[in-house]
């Protein structure tokens, strides 16, 4: 509950910048269910798309993940998004988030959130670094969940090849010899994620200055 309060406060920093459309919300929920097949509804990770033109994603305390719209626009397939979302869920499930926050920001993180100012909160989280072991564990979690849900890891391999090359090889190696993966989302569902922020009439713009 304590971690969830911190996470909710940090999400509160985003104000009205979380994008929502009926089709986009449904597509994101479907994607999340495939990379985080938790049986207990109370234990489900929550996910959202933030109206920020940054190629990044963050895991927050209390089981929340935010994809930035800049990353969604960079993705060329829903399988690419599945790899990124699964990786961030891995950080949540392996309990890396509070460890990294406390290491980087110390106990001051307890005072962060709504009073910290959105710019400081967002960029502090986006720039937060995990240990190499934590990154490896999150990738392993993502690949395991993708295998369970029959999601091709080749999309994640392509994404990481463009963004962070050395991580792509492990995803490529996780693919079946003769892959026959069903699409993780339909074309319409993927398009709904892509247009989610543009189609939300109520979402706030993110101003850097």
N, C-alpha and C. Protein backbone atom coordinates (compact mmCIF):
# COMPACT_ATOMS: atom_id res chain seq x y z
N UNK A 1 0.80 -1.20 0.00
CA UNK A 1 0.00 0.00 0.00
C UNK A 1 0.85 1.26 0.00
N UNK A 2 1.95 1.22 0.73
CA UNK A 2 2.87 2.37 0.81
C UNK A 2 3.46 2.66 -0.56
N UNK A 3 3.91 1.60 -1.26
CA UNK A 3 4.49 1.78 -2.59
C UNK A 3 3.42 2.28 -3.57
N UNK A 4 2.21 1.77 -3.43
CA UNK A 4 1.14 2.20 -4.34
C UNK A 4 0.83 3.68 -4.16
N UNK A 5 0.89 4.16 -2.91
CA UNK A 5 0.65 5.58 -2.67
C UNK A 5 1.71 6.44 -3.36
N UNK A 6 2.98 6.00 -3.29
CA UNK A 6 4.04 6.75 -3.96
C UNK A 6 3.81 6.73 -5.47
N UNK A 7 3.49 5.54 -6.01
CA UNK A 7 3.23 5.44 -7.44
C UNK A 7 2.07 6.30 -7.89
N UNK A 8 0.99 6.30 -7.09
CA UNK A 8 -0.17 7.12 -7.44
C UNK A 8 0.18 8.61 -7.41
N UNK A 9 1.03 9.00 -6.44
CA UNK A 9 1.44 10.41 -6.37
C UNK A 9 2.26 10.79 -7.59
N UNK A 10 3.15 9.87 -8.02
CA UNK A 10 3.97 10.16 -9.20
C UNK A 10 3.12 10.22 -10.46
N UNK A 11 2.14 9.31 -10.59
CA UNK A 11 1.23 9.38 -11.72
C UNK A 11 0.43 10.67 -11.67
N UNK A 12 0.10 11.11 -10.44
CA UNK A 12 -0.60 12.38 -10.30
C UNK A 12 0.19 13.53 -10.87
N UNK A 13 1.53 13.42 -10.85
CA UNK A 13 2.38 14.44 -11.46
C UNK A 13 2.08 14.62 -12.94
N UNK A 14 1.58 13.57 -13.58
CA UNK A 14 1.30 13.64 -15.01
C UNK A 14 -0.01 14.38 -15.29
N UNK A 15 -0.75 14.66 -14.22
CA UNK A 15 -1.99 15.40 -14.39
C UNK A 15 -2.90 14.73 -15.40
N UNK A 16 -3.39 15.50 -16.36
CA UNK A 16 -4.28 14.96 -17.38
C UNK A 16 -3.55 14.49 -18.61
N UNK A 17 -2.30 14.08 -18.45
CA UNK A 17 -1.47 13.73 -19.61
C UNK A 17 -1.51 12.24 -19.95
N UNK A 18 -2.34 11.46 -19.27
CA UNK A 18 -2.49 10.06 -19.60
C UNK A 18 -3.59 9.94 -20.65
N UNK A 19 -3.27 9.31 -21.78
CA UNK A 19 -4.20 9.23 -22.92
C UNK A 19 -5.24 8.14 -22.70
N UNK A 20 -6.46 8.42 -23.12
CA UNK A 20 -7.55 7.43 -23.03
C UNK A 20 -8.44 7.55 -24.25
N UNK A 21 -8.70 6.43 -24.88
CA UNK A 21 -9.81 6.28 -25.83
C UNK A 21 -10.36 4.88 -25.57
N UNK A 22 -11.63 4.64 -25.85
CA UNK A 22 -12.16 3.29 -25.61
C UNK A 22 -11.36 2.20 -26.34
N UNK A 23 -11.08 2.42 -27.63
CA UNK A 23 -10.36 1.40 -28.40
C UNK A 23 -8.92 1.27 -27.93
N UNK A 24 -8.27 2.40 -27.62
CA UNK A 24 -6.89 2.35 -27.16
C UNK A 24 -6.77 1.69 -25.80
N UNK A 25 -7.68 2.02 -24.89
CA UNK A 25 -7.67 1.40 -23.56
C UNK A 25 -7.85 -0.12 -23.67
N UNK A 26 -8.75 -0.54 -24.54
CA UNK A 26 -9.00 -1.98 -24.71
C UNK A 26 -7.79 -2.69 -25.29
N UNK A 27 -7.13 -2.06 -26.27
CA UNK A 27 -5.95 -2.67 -26.88
C UNK A 27 -4.81 -2.76 -25.87
N UNK A 28 -4.63 -1.72 -25.06
CA UNK A 28 -3.56 -1.74 -24.06
C UNK A 28 -3.85 -2.80 -23.00
N UNK A 29 -5.10 -2.92 -22.57
CA UNK A 29 -5.47 -3.94 -21.60
C UNK A 29 -5.21 -5.34 -22.15
N UNK A 30 -5.51 -5.55 -23.43
CA UNK A 30 -5.26 -6.85 -24.05
C UNK A 30 -3.77 -7.16 -24.09
N UNK A 31 -2.97 -6.15 -24.47
CA UNK A 31 -1.52 -6.35 -24.54
C UNK A 31 -0.96 -6.63 -23.14
N UNK A 32 -1.42 -5.88 -22.15
CA UNK A 32 -0.93 -6.06 -20.79
C UNK A 32 -1.28 -7.45 -20.26
N UNK A 33 -2.48 -7.92 -20.56
CA UNK A 33 -2.90 -9.24 -20.08
C UNK A 33 -2.01 -10.35 -20.64
N UNK A 34 -1.47 -10.13 -21.83
CA UNK A 34 -0.61 -11.15 -22.45
C UNK A 34 0.79 -11.16 -21.86
N UNK A 35 1.28 -9.99 -21.42
CA UNK A 35 2.64 -9.96 -20.87
C UNK A 35 2.63 -9.98 -19.35
N UNK A 36 1.44 -9.94 -18.74
CA UNK A 36 1.33 -10.00 -17.29
C UNK A 36 0.09 -10.81 -16.93
N UNK A 37 0.15 -12.13 -17.18
CA UNK A 37 -1.04 -12.96 -16.96
C UNK A 37 -1.26 -13.29 -15.48
N UNK A 38 -1.43 -12.26 -14.65
CA UNK A 38 -1.65 -12.48 -13.22
C UNK A 38 -3.06 -13.01 -12.99
N UNK A 39 -3.17 -14.02 -12.13
CA UNK A 39 -4.49 -14.59 -11.83
C UNK A 39 -5.28 -13.70 -10.88
N UNK A 40 -4.59 -13.07 -9.96
CA UNK A 40 -5.24 -12.25 -8.94
C UNK A 40 -5.44 -10.83 -9.46
N UNK A 41 -6.68 -10.40 -9.56
CA UNK A 41 -6.96 -9.07 -10.11
C UNK A 41 -6.29 -7.97 -9.28
N UNK A 42 -6.20 -8.18 -7.97
CA UNK A 42 -5.58 -7.17 -7.12
C UNK A 42 -4.08 -7.04 -7.39
N UNK A 43 -3.51 -8.10 -7.95
CA UNK A 43 -2.07 -8.13 -8.18
C UNK A 43 -1.70 -7.66 -9.59
N UNK A 44 -2.70 -7.25 -10.37
CA UNK A 44 -2.43 -6.85 -11.75
C UNK A 44 -1.63 -5.55 -11.80
N UNK A 45 -0.69 -5.52 -12.72
CA UNK A 45 0.01 -4.28 -13.01
C UNK A 45 -0.94 -3.36 -13.78
N UNK A 46 -0.86 -2.08 -13.52
CA UNK A 46 -1.64 -1.09 -14.27
C UNK A 46 -0.73 -0.42 -15.30
N UNK A 47 -1.27 -0.14 -16.46
CA UNK A 47 -0.47 0.46 -17.53
C UNK A 47 -1.21 1.63 -18.14
N UNK A 48 -0.44 2.58 -18.66
CA UNK A 48 -1.01 3.73 -19.34
C UNK A 48 -0.05 4.26 -20.38
N UNK A 49 -0.56 5.14 -21.24
CA UNK A 49 0.26 5.81 -22.24
C UNK A 49 0.24 7.30 -21.93
N UNK A 50 1.41 7.88 -21.75
CA UNK A 50 1.53 9.30 -21.40
C UNK A 50 1.78 10.12 -22.66
N UNK A 51 1.16 11.27 -22.72
CA UNK A 51 1.25 12.14 -23.89
C UNK A 51 2.57 12.91 -23.87
N UNK A 52 3.66 12.17 -24.06
CA UNK A 52 5.01 12.74 -24.06
C UNK A 52 5.78 12.21 -25.26
N UNK A 53 6.41 13.11 -25.98
CA UNK A 53 7.13 12.73 -27.20
C UNK A 53 8.56 12.31 -26.85
N UNK A 54 8.66 11.29 -25.99
CA UNK A 54 9.96 10.72 -25.63
C UNK A 54 9.92 9.23 -25.92
N UNK A 55 11.02 8.69 -26.44
CA UNK A 55 11.09 7.24 -26.68
C UNK A 55 11.56 6.60 -25.38
N UNK A 56 10.59 6.36 -24.49
CA UNK A 56 10.93 5.84 -23.18
C UNK A 56 9.71 5.22 -22.55
N UNK A 57 9.93 4.50 -21.47
CA UNK A 57 8.87 3.91 -20.66
C UNK A 57 9.40 3.85 -19.24
N UNK A 58 8.49 3.88 -18.27
CA UNK A 58 8.92 3.82 -16.88
C UNK A 58 8.03 2.86 -16.11
N UNK A 59 8.64 2.18 -15.14
CA UNK A 59 7.91 1.41 -14.15
C UNK A 59 7.88 2.23 -12.87
N UNK A 60 6.72 2.31 -12.25
CA UNK A 60 6.53 3.11 -11.05
C UNK A 60 6.31 2.20 -9.85
N UNK A 61 6.54 2.70 -8.65
CA UNK A 61 6.20 1.91 -7.46
C UNK A 61 4.71 1.58 -7.45
N UNK A 62 4.38 0.49 -6.77
CA UNK A 62 2.98 0.13 -6.64
C UNK A 62 2.39 -0.54 -7.85
N UNK A 63 3.24 -1.05 -8.74
CA UNK A 63 2.74 -1.85 -9.85
C UNK A 63 2.13 -1.08 -10.99
N UNK A 64 2.78 0.01 -11.40
CA UNK A 64 2.29 0.79 -12.53
C UNK A 64 3.39 0.96 -13.58
N UNK A 65 2.99 0.96 -14.84
CA UNK A 65 3.91 1.14 -15.95
C UNK A 65 3.33 2.21 -16.88
N UNK A 66 4.19 3.11 -17.33
CA UNK A 66 3.78 4.11 -18.31
C UNK A 66 4.66 3.99 -19.55
N UNK A 67 4.02 3.88 -20.71
CA UNK A 67 4.71 4.00 -21.99
C UNK A 67 4.53 5.44 -22.45
N UNK A 68 5.59 6.06 -22.95
CA UNK A 68 5.46 7.41 -23.49
C UNK A 68 5.04 7.31 -24.95
N UNK A 69 4.23 8.27 -25.39
CA UNK A 69 3.69 8.21 -26.75
C UNK A 69 4.79 8.22 -27.80
N UNK A 70 5.91 8.88 -27.50
CA UNK A 70 7.03 8.87 -28.45
C UNK A 70 7.52 7.46 -28.73
N UNK A 71 7.51 6.60 -27.70
CA UNK A 71 7.92 5.21 -27.89
C UNK A 71 6.86 4.45 -28.69
N UNK A 72 5.59 4.71 -28.37
CA UNK A 72 4.51 4.03 -29.12
C UNK A 72 4.61 4.37 -30.60
N UNK A 73 4.91 5.63 -30.91
CA UNK A 73 5.03 6.02 -32.31
C UNK A 73 6.24 5.38 -32.98
N UNK A 74 7.30 5.11 -32.23
CA UNK A 74 8.50 4.47 -32.79
C UNK A 74 8.27 2.99 -33.08
N UNK A 75 7.36 2.37 -32.34
CA UNK A 75 7.13 0.93 -32.50
C UNK A 75 6.53 0.64 -33.88
N UNK A 76 7.06 -0.38 -34.51
CA UNK A 76 6.60 -0.75 -35.85
C UNK A 76 5.64 -1.93 -35.84
N UNK A 77 5.44 -2.54 -34.67
CA UNK A 77 4.51 -3.67 -34.56
C UNK A 77 4.07 -3.78 -33.10
N UNK A 78 2.91 -4.43 -32.87
CA UNK A 78 2.50 -4.63 -31.48
C UNK A 78 3.46 -5.53 -30.72
N UNK A 79 4.16 -6.42 -31.45
CA UNK A 79 5.14 -7.29 -30.78
C UNK A 79 6.29 -6.48 -30.21
N UNK A 80 6.65 -5.39 -30.88
CA UNK A 80 7.69 -4.50 -30.33
C UNK A 80 7.21 -3.89 -29.02
N UNK A 81 5.96 -3.42 -28.99
CA UNK A 81 5.41 -2.85 -27.76
C UNK A 81 5.29 -3.90 -26.68
N UNK A 82 4.96 -5.12 -27.06
CA UNK A 82 4.85 -6.20 -26.07
C UNK A 82 6.19 -6.44 -25.38
N UNK A 83 7.28 -6.37 -26.14
CA UNK A 83 8.60 -6.57 -25.55
C UNK A 83 8.94 -5.48 -24.55
N UNK A 84 8.65 -4.23 -24.91
CA UNK A 84 8.94 -3.11 -24.01
C UNK A 84 8.05 -3.18 -22.77
N UNK A 85 6.75 -3.40 -22.99
CA UNK A 85 5.82 -3.47 -21.86
C UNK A 85 6.19 -4.63 -20.94
N UNK A 86 6.52 -5.78 -21.53
CA UNK A 86 6.91 -6.94 -20.72
C UNK A 86 8.17 -6.67 -19.92
N UNK A 87 9.11 -5.93 -20.49
CA UNK A 87 10.34 -5.58 -19.78
C UNK A 87 10.03 -4.70 -18.56
N UNK A 88 9.17 -3.69 -18.75
CA UNK A 88 8.83 -2.81 -17.63
C UNK A 88 8.03 -3.57 -16.57
N UNK A 89 7.13 -4.46 -16.99
CA UNK A 89 6.41 -5.30 -16.03
C UNK A 89 7.40 -6.18 -15.27
N UNK A 90 8.44 -6.63 -15.96
CA UNK A 90 9.49 -7.42 -15.30
C UNK A 90 10.14 -6.65 -14.17
N UNK A 91 10.40 -5.36 -14.39
CA UNK A 91 10.95 -4.54 -13.31
C UNK A 91 10.00 -4.49 -12.12
N UNK A 92 8.69 -4.42 -12.39
CA UNK A 92 7.71 -4.40 -11.31
C UNK A 92 7.71 -5.74 -10.59
N UNK A 93 7.62 -6.82 -11.34
CA UNK A 93 7.49 -8.16 -10.75
C UNK A 93 8.75 -8.59 -10.00
N UNK A 94 9.90 -8.16 -10.48
CA UNK A 94 11.15 -8.51 -9.80
C UNK A 94 11.49 -7.51 -8.69
N UNK A 95 10.59 -6.55 -8.46
CA UNK A 95 10.71 -5.58 -7.38
C UNK A 95 11.99 -4.75 -7.48
N UNK A 96 12.29 -4.32 -8.70
CA UNK A 96 13.47 -3.48 -8.93
C UNK A 96 13.17 -2.00 -8.69
N UNK A 97 11.89 -1.61 -8.73
CA UNK A 97 11.57 -0.20 -8.85
C UNK A 97 11.96 0.58 -7.60
N UNK A 98 11.48 0.15 -6.44
CA UNK A 98 11.80 0.88 -5.22
C UNK A 98 13.30 0.80 -4.91
N UNK A 99 13.92 -0.33 -5.21
CA UNK A 99 15.37 -0.45 -4.99
C UNK A 99 16.12 0.61 -5.77
N UNK A 100 15.76 0.77 -7.05
CA UNK A 100 16.45 1.75 -7.89
C UNK A 100 16.12 3.18 -7.46
N UNK A 101 14.85 3.43 -7.10
CA UNK A 101 14.46 4.77 -6.67
C UNK A 101 15.20 5.18 -5.40
N UNK A 102 15.26 4.28 -4.45
CA UNK A 102 15.94 4.60 -3.19
C UNK A 102 17.43 4.77 -3.41
N UNK A 103 18.00 3.95 -4.31
CA UNK A 103 19.44 4.08 -4.56
C UNK A 103 19.75 5.42 -5.23
N UNK A 104 18.89 5.83 -6.15
CA UNK A 104 19.17 7.04 -6.93
C UNK A 104 18.77 8.32 -6.20
N UNK A 105 17.62 8.27 -5.52
CA UNK A 105 17.08 9.49 -4.94
C UNK A 105 17.10 9.50 -3.41
N UNK A 106 17.43 8.36 -2.79
CA UNK A 106 17.44 8.31 -1.34
C UNK A 106 16.04 8.43 -0.77
N UNK A 107 15.96 8.75 0.51
CA UNK A 107 14.66 8.83 1.17
C UNK A 107 13.83 10.01 0.67
N UNK A 108 14.44 10.92 -0.09
CA UNK A 108 13.68 12.06 -0.60
C UNK A 108 12.56 11.61 -1.53
N UNK A 109 12.66 10.37 -2.06
CA UNK A 109 11.60 9.87 -2.94
C UNK A 109 10.29 9.80 -2.17
N UNK A 110 10.37 9.62 -0.85
CA UNK A 110 9.15 9.55 -0.05
C UNK A 110 8.40 10.87 -0.06
N UNK A 111 9.12 11.96 -0.32
CA UNK A 111 8.51 13.28 -0.34
C UNK A 111 8.16 13.71 -1.75
N UNK A 112 8.48 12.87 -2.74
CA UNK A 112 8.22 13.22 -4.13
C UNK A 112 6.76 12.99 -4.47
N UNK A 113 6.43 13.15 -5.71
CA UNK A 113 5.06 12.93 -6.14
C UNK A 113 4.41 14.24 -6.49
N UNK A 114 3.25 14.47 -5.97
CA UNK A 114 2.46 15.63 -6.37
C UNK A 114 3.18 16.94 -6.08
N UNK A 115 4.03 16.96 -5.05
CA UNK A 115 4.72 18.21 -4.70
C UNK A 115 6.06 18.37 -5.40
N UNK A 116 6.46 17.39 -6.19
CA UNK A 116 7.81 17.42 -6.76
C UNK A 116 7.87 18.21 -8.06
N UNK A 117 6.72 18.48 -8.67
CA UNK A 117 6.71 19.15 -9.97
C UNK A 117 6.82 18.12 -11.06
N UNK A 118 5.97 18.25 -12.07
CA UNK A 118 5.90 17.20 -13.09
C UNK A 118 7.21 17.02 -13.83
N UNK A 119 7.91 18.11 -14.14
CA UNK A 119 9.13 17.98 -14.93
C UNK A 119 10.19 17.19 -14.18
N UNK A 120 10.41 17.54 -12.92
CA UNK A 120 11.40 16.81 -12.13
C UNK A 120 11.01 15.35 -11.98
N UNK A 121 9.72 15.10 -11.70
CA UNK A 121 9.29 13.73 -11.51
C UNK A 121 9.44 12.89 -12.77
N UNK A 122 9.00 13.43 -13.89
CA UNK A 122 9.04 12.69 -15.14
C UNK A 122 10.48 12.40 -15.57
N UNK A 123 11.31 13.43 -15.57
CA UNK A 123 12.66 13.22 -16.08
C UNK A 123 13.52 12.44 -15.10
N UNK A 124 13.23 12.58 -13.81
CA UNK A 124 13.93 11.74 -12.83
C UNK A 124 13.64 10.27 -13.05
N UNK A 125 12.36 9.96 -13.29
CA UNK A 125 11.99 8.57 -13.53
C UNK A 125 12.53 8.06 -14.86
N UNK A 126 12.41 8.89 -15.90
CA UNK A 126 12.85 8.46 -17.23
C UNK A 126 14.35 8.22 -17.28
N UNK A 127 15.11 8.96 -16.46
CA UNK A 127 16.56 8.83 -16.46
C UNK A 127 17.07 7.82 -15.46
N UNK A 128 16.14 7.24 -14.69
CA UNK A 128 16.56 6.34 -13.62
C UNK A 128 17.23 5.10 -14.20
N UNK A 129 18.36 4.74 -13.64
CA UNK A 129 19.09 3.58 -14.13
C UNK A 129 18.91 2.37 -13.23
N UNK A 130 18.81 1.20 -13.84
CA UNK A 130 18.79 -0.06 -13.11
C UNK A 130 20.16 -0.71 -13.23
N UNK A 131 20.44 -1.62 -12.33
CA UNK A 131 21.69 -2.37 -12.43
C UNK A 131 21.63 -3.28 -13.65
N UNK A 132 22.79 -3.73 -14.09
CA UNK A 132 22.84 -4.64 -15.23
C UNK A 132 22.07 -5.92 -14.93
N UNK A 133 22.19 -6.42 -13.69
CA UNK A 133 21.46 -7.63 -13.31
C UNK A 133 19.95 -7.40 -13.37
N UNK A 134 19.51 -6.22 -12.93
CA UNK A 134 18.08 -5.92 -12.95
C UNK A 134 17.57 -5.85 -14.38
N UNK A 135 18.33 -5.25 -15.27
CA UNK A 135 17.92 -5.18 -16.68
C UNK A 135 17.85 -6.58 -17.29
N UNK A 136 18.83 -7.42 -16.95
CA UNK A 136 18.81 -8.79 -17.47
C UNK A 136 17.60 -9.55 -16.94
N UNK A 137 17.30 -9.41 -15.64
CA UNK A 137 16.15 -10.11 -15.06
C UNK A 137 14.85 -9.63 -15.68
N UNK A 138 14.74 -8.34 -15.94
CA UNK A 138 13.51 -7.82 -16.56
C UNK A 138 13.36 -8.36 -17.98
N UNK A 139 14.46 -8.44 -18.72
CA UNK A 139 14.40 -9.02 -20.06
C UNK A 139 14.02 -10.50 -20.00
N UNK A 140 14.58 -11.23 -19.04
CA UNK A 140 14.25 -12.66 -18.91
C UNK A 140 12.78 -12.84 -18.57
N UNK A 141 12.25 -11.97 -17.69
CA UNK A 141 10.83 -12.03 -17.36
C UNK A 141 9.99 -11.80 -18.62
N UNK A 142 10.35 -10.76 -19.38
CA UNK A 142 9.58 -10.44 -20.59
C UNK A 142 9.59 -11.60 -21.57
N UNK A 143 10.77 -12.20 -21.80
CA UNK A 143 10.84 -13.30 -22.76
C UNK A 143 10.03 -14.51 -22.28
N UNK A 144 10.04 -14.77 -20.97
CA UNK A 144 9.28 -15.91 -20.44
C UNK A 144 7.77 -15.70 -20.62
N UNK A 145 7.30 -14.50 -20.31
CA UNK A 145 5.86 -14.24 -20.46
C UNK A 145 5.47 -14.25 -21.94
N UNK A 146 6.33 -13.73 -22.81
CA UNK A 146 6.02 -13.73 -24.23
C UNK A 146 5.96 -15.16 -24.76
N UNK A 147 6.84 -16.02 -24.26
CA UNK A 147 6.80 -17.43 -24.67
C UNK A 147 5.51 -18.08 -24.21
N UNK A 148 5.08 -17.79 -22.98
CA UNK A 148 3.83 -18.35 -22.46
C UNK A 148 2.63 -17.92 -23.31
N UNK A 149 2.66 -16.70 -23.78
CA UNK A 149 1.52 -16.15 -24.53
C UNK A 149 1.70 -16.27 -26.04
N UNK A 150 2.74 -17.00 -26.48
CA UNK A 150 3.00 -17.21 -27.91
C UNK A 150 3.15 -15.89 -28.66
N UNK A 151 3.91 -14.96 -28.06
CA UNK A 151 4.22 -13.69 -28.70
C UNK A 151 5.62 -13.78 -29.28
N UNK A 152 5.77 -13.49 -30.53
CA UNK A 152 7.09 -13.56 -31.15
C UNK A 152 8.04 -12.57 -30.49
N UNK A 153 9.24 -13.04 -30.07
CA UNK A 153 10.24 -12.12 -29.52
C UNK A 153 11.00 -11.36 -30.59
N UNK A 154 10.73 -11.66 -31.87
CA UNK A 154 11.49 -11.02 -32.94
C UNK A 154 11.15 -9.53 -33.05
N UNK A 155 9.91 -9.17 -32.68
CA UNK A 155 9.56 -7.75 -32.68
C UNK A 155 10.38 -6.99 -31.65
N UNK A 156 10.49 -7.55 -30.45
CA UNK A 156 11.32 -6.92 -29.42
C UNK A 156 12.78 -6.86 -29.86
N UNK A 157 13.22 -7.92 -30.53
CA UNK A 157 14.60 -7.92 -31.03
C UNK A 157 14.80 -6.77 -32.01
N UNK A 158 13.85 -6.56 -32.90
CA UNK A 158 13.96 -5.46 -33.87
C UNK A 158 13.98 -4.11 -33.16
N UNK A 159 13.10 -3.96 -32.17
CA UNK A 159 13.04 -2.67 -31.46
C UNK A 159 14.35 -2.39 -30.73
N UNK A 160 14.84 -3.38 -30.00
CA UNK A 160 16.07 -3.16 -29.24
C UNK A 160 17.29 -3.03 -30.16
N UNK A 161 17.21 -3.64 -31.34
CA UNK A 161 18.31 -3.47 -32.30
C UNK A 161 18.41 -2.02 -32.73
N UNK A 162 17.24 -1.36 -32.86
CA UNK A 162 17.25 0.05 -33.23
C UNK A 162 17.65 0.95 -32.06
N UNK A 163 17.24 0.57 -30.84
CA UNK A 163 17.41 1.46 -29.69
C UNK A 163 18.62 1.11 -28.84
N UNK A 164 18.87 -0.17 -28.65
CA UNK A 164 19.96 -0.59 -27.75
C UNK A 164 20.44 -1.95 -28.21
N UNK A 165 21.31 -1.95 -29.18
CA UNK A 165 21.62 -3.13 -29.97
C UNK A 165 21.99 -4.38 -29.23
N UNK A 166 22.75 -4.28 -28.15
CA UNK A 166 23.27 -5.50 -27.54
C UNK A 166 22.17 -6.36 -26.91
N UNK A 167 21.03 -5.75 -26.60
CA UNK A 167 19.95 -6.51 -25.97
C UNK A 167 19.14 -7.30 -26.99
N UNK A 168 19.26 -6.97 -28.25
CA UNK A 168 18.43 -7.60 -29.27
C UNK A 168 18.75 -9.08 -29.45
N UNK A 169 20.01 -9.45 -29.28
CA UNK A 169 20.44 -10.81 -29.60
C UNK A 169 19.70 -11.84 -28.76
N UNK A 170 19.50 -11.54 -27.47
CA UNK A 170 18.85 -12.51 -26.58
C UNK A 170 17.39 -12.71 -26.99
N UNK A 171 16.72 -11.65 -27.44
CA UNK A 171 15.34 -11.81 -27.90
C UNK A 171 15.30 -12.60 -29.20
N UNK A 172 16.25 -12.33 -30.09
CA UNK A 172 16.27 -13.06 -31.36
C UNK A 172 16.52 -14.55 -31.10
N UNK A 173 17.39 -14.85 -30.13
CA UNK A 173 17.71 -16.24 -29.82
C UNK A 173 16.53 -16.97 -29.19
N UNK A 174 15.60 -16.20 -28.60
CA UNK A 174 14.45 -16.82 -27.95
C UNK A 174 13.37 -17.24 -28.93
N UNK A 175 13.50 -16.86 -30.18
CA UNK A 175 12.49 -17.22 -31.18
C UNK A 175 12.58 -18.70 -31.52
N UNK A 176 11.45 -19.27 -31.84
CA UNK A 176 11.42 -20.66 -32.30
C UNK A 176 12.15 -20.77 -33.62
N UNK A 177 12.63 -21.95 -33.91
CA UNK A 177 13.37 -22.16 -35.15
C UNK A 177 12.49 -21.85 -36.36
N UNK A 178 11.25 -22.31 -36.30
CA UNK A 178 10.30 -22.02 -37.38
C UNK A 178 9.11 -21.30 -36.76
N UNK A 179 9.25 -20.00 -36.53
CA UNK A 179 8.20 -19.30 -35.77
C UNK A 179 6.88 -19.25 -36.51
N UNK A 180 5.82 -19.56 -35.77
CA UNK A 180 4.47 -19.42 -36.30
C UNK A 180 3.64 -18.77 -35.20
N UNK A 181 3.89 -17.51 -35.00
CA UNK A 181 3.26 -16.79 -33.90
C UNK A 181 2.00 -16.08 -34.39
N UNK A 182 0.92 -16.16 -33.62
CA UNK A 182 -0.26 -15.35 -33.98
C UNK A 182 0.02 -13.89 -33.66
N UNK A 183 -0.64 -12.97 -34.36
CA UNK A 183 -0.45 -11.55 -34.05
C UNK A 183 -0.91 -11.27 -32.61
N UNK A 184 -0.15 -10.48 -31.88
CA UNK A 184 -0.51 -10.19 -30.49
C UNK A 184 -1.69 -9.22 -30.44
N UNK A 185 -1.81 -8.34 -31.42
CA UNK A 185 -2.95 -7.45 -31.57
C UNK A 185 -3.35 -7.41 -33.04
N UNK A 186 -4.61 -7.07 -33.29
CA UNK A 186 -5.03 -6.87 -34.67
C UNK A 186 -4.48 -5.54 -35.18
N UNK A 187 -4.53 -5.35 -36.49
CA UNK A 187 -4.09 -4.07 -37.07
C UNK A 187 -4.90 -2.91 -36.48
N UNK A 188 -6.19 -3.12 -36.28
CA UNK A 188 -7.04 -2.07 -35.75
C UNK A 188 -6.67 -1.75 -34.30
N UNK A 189 -6.36 -2.78 -33.52
CA UNK A 189 -5.98 -2.55 -32.12
C UNK A 189 -4.64 -1.82 -32.04
N UNK A 190 -3.70 -2.20 -32.88
CA UNK A 190 -2.40 -1.51 -32.89
C UNK A 190 -2.58 -0.06 -33.32
N UNK A 191 -3.42 0.16 -34.32
CA UNK A 191 -3.69 1.53 -34.77
C UNK A 191 -4.34 2.35 -33.67
N UNK A 192 -5.19 1.71 -32.85
CA UNK A 192 -5.84 2.42 -31.74
C UNK A 192 -4.83 2.87 -30.71
N UNK A 193 -3.80 2.05 -30.46
CA UNK A 193 -2.73 2.47 -29.55
C UNK A 193 -1.94 3.63 -30.15
N UNK A 194 -1.67 3.54 -31.44
CA UNK A 194 -0.89 4.58 -32.10
C UNK A 194 -1.60 5.94 -32.07
N UNK A 195 -2.91 5.92 -32.20
CA UNK A 195 -3.66 7.17 -32.30
C UNK A 195 -4.26 7.61 -30.97
N UNK A 196 -3.96 6.88 -29.91
CA UNK A 196 -4.62 7.09 -28.63
C UNK A 196 -4.49 8.53 -28.13
N UNK A 197 -3.27 9.05 -28.11
CA UNK A 197 -3.06 10.40 -27.59
C UNK A 197 -3.63 11.45 -28.54
N UNK A 198 -3.47 11.22 -29.84
CA UNK A 198 -3.99 12.17 -30.82
C UNK A 198 -5.52 12.22 -30.80
N UNK A 199 -6.15 11.08 -30.49
CA UNK A 199 -7.61 11.00 -30.55
C UNK A 199 -8.28 11.37 -29.23
N UNK A 200 -7.51 11.52 -28.15
CA UNK A 200 -8.10 11.86 -26.86
C UNK A 200 -8.31 13.38 -26.79
N UNK A 201 -9.54 13.85 -26.84
CA UNK A 201 -9.77 15.30 -26.87
C UNK A 201 -9.47 15.99 -25.54
N UNK A 202 -9.37 15.21 -24.48
CA UNK A 202 -9.21 15.78 -23.14
C UNK A 202 -7.79 15.72 -22.61
N UNK A 203 -6.89 15.02 -23.32
CA UNK A 203 -5.55 14.84 -22.78
C UNK A 203 -4.78 16.16 -22.83
N UNK A 204 -4.00 16.43 -21.79
CA UNK A 204 -3.21 17.66 -21.72
C UNK A 204 -1.92 17.49 -22.49
N UNK A 205 -1.47 18.57 -23.09
CA UNK A 205 -0.16 18.57 -23.72
C UNK A 205 0.91 18.58 -22.65
N UNK A 206 2.06 17.98 -22.97
CA UNK A 206 3.17 18.05 -22.03
C UNK A 206 4.11 19.17 -22.46
N UNK A 207 4.26 20.16 -21.62
CA UNK A 207 5.15 21.29 -21.91
C UNK A 207 6.44 21.11 -21.14
N UNK A 208 7.57 21.12 -21.86
CA UNK A 208 8.85 20.92 -21.20
C UNK A 208 9.28 22.18 -20.46
N UNK A 209 8.77 23.34 -20.87
CA UNK A 209 9.21 24.58 -20.25
C UNK A 209 7.99 25.35 -19.75
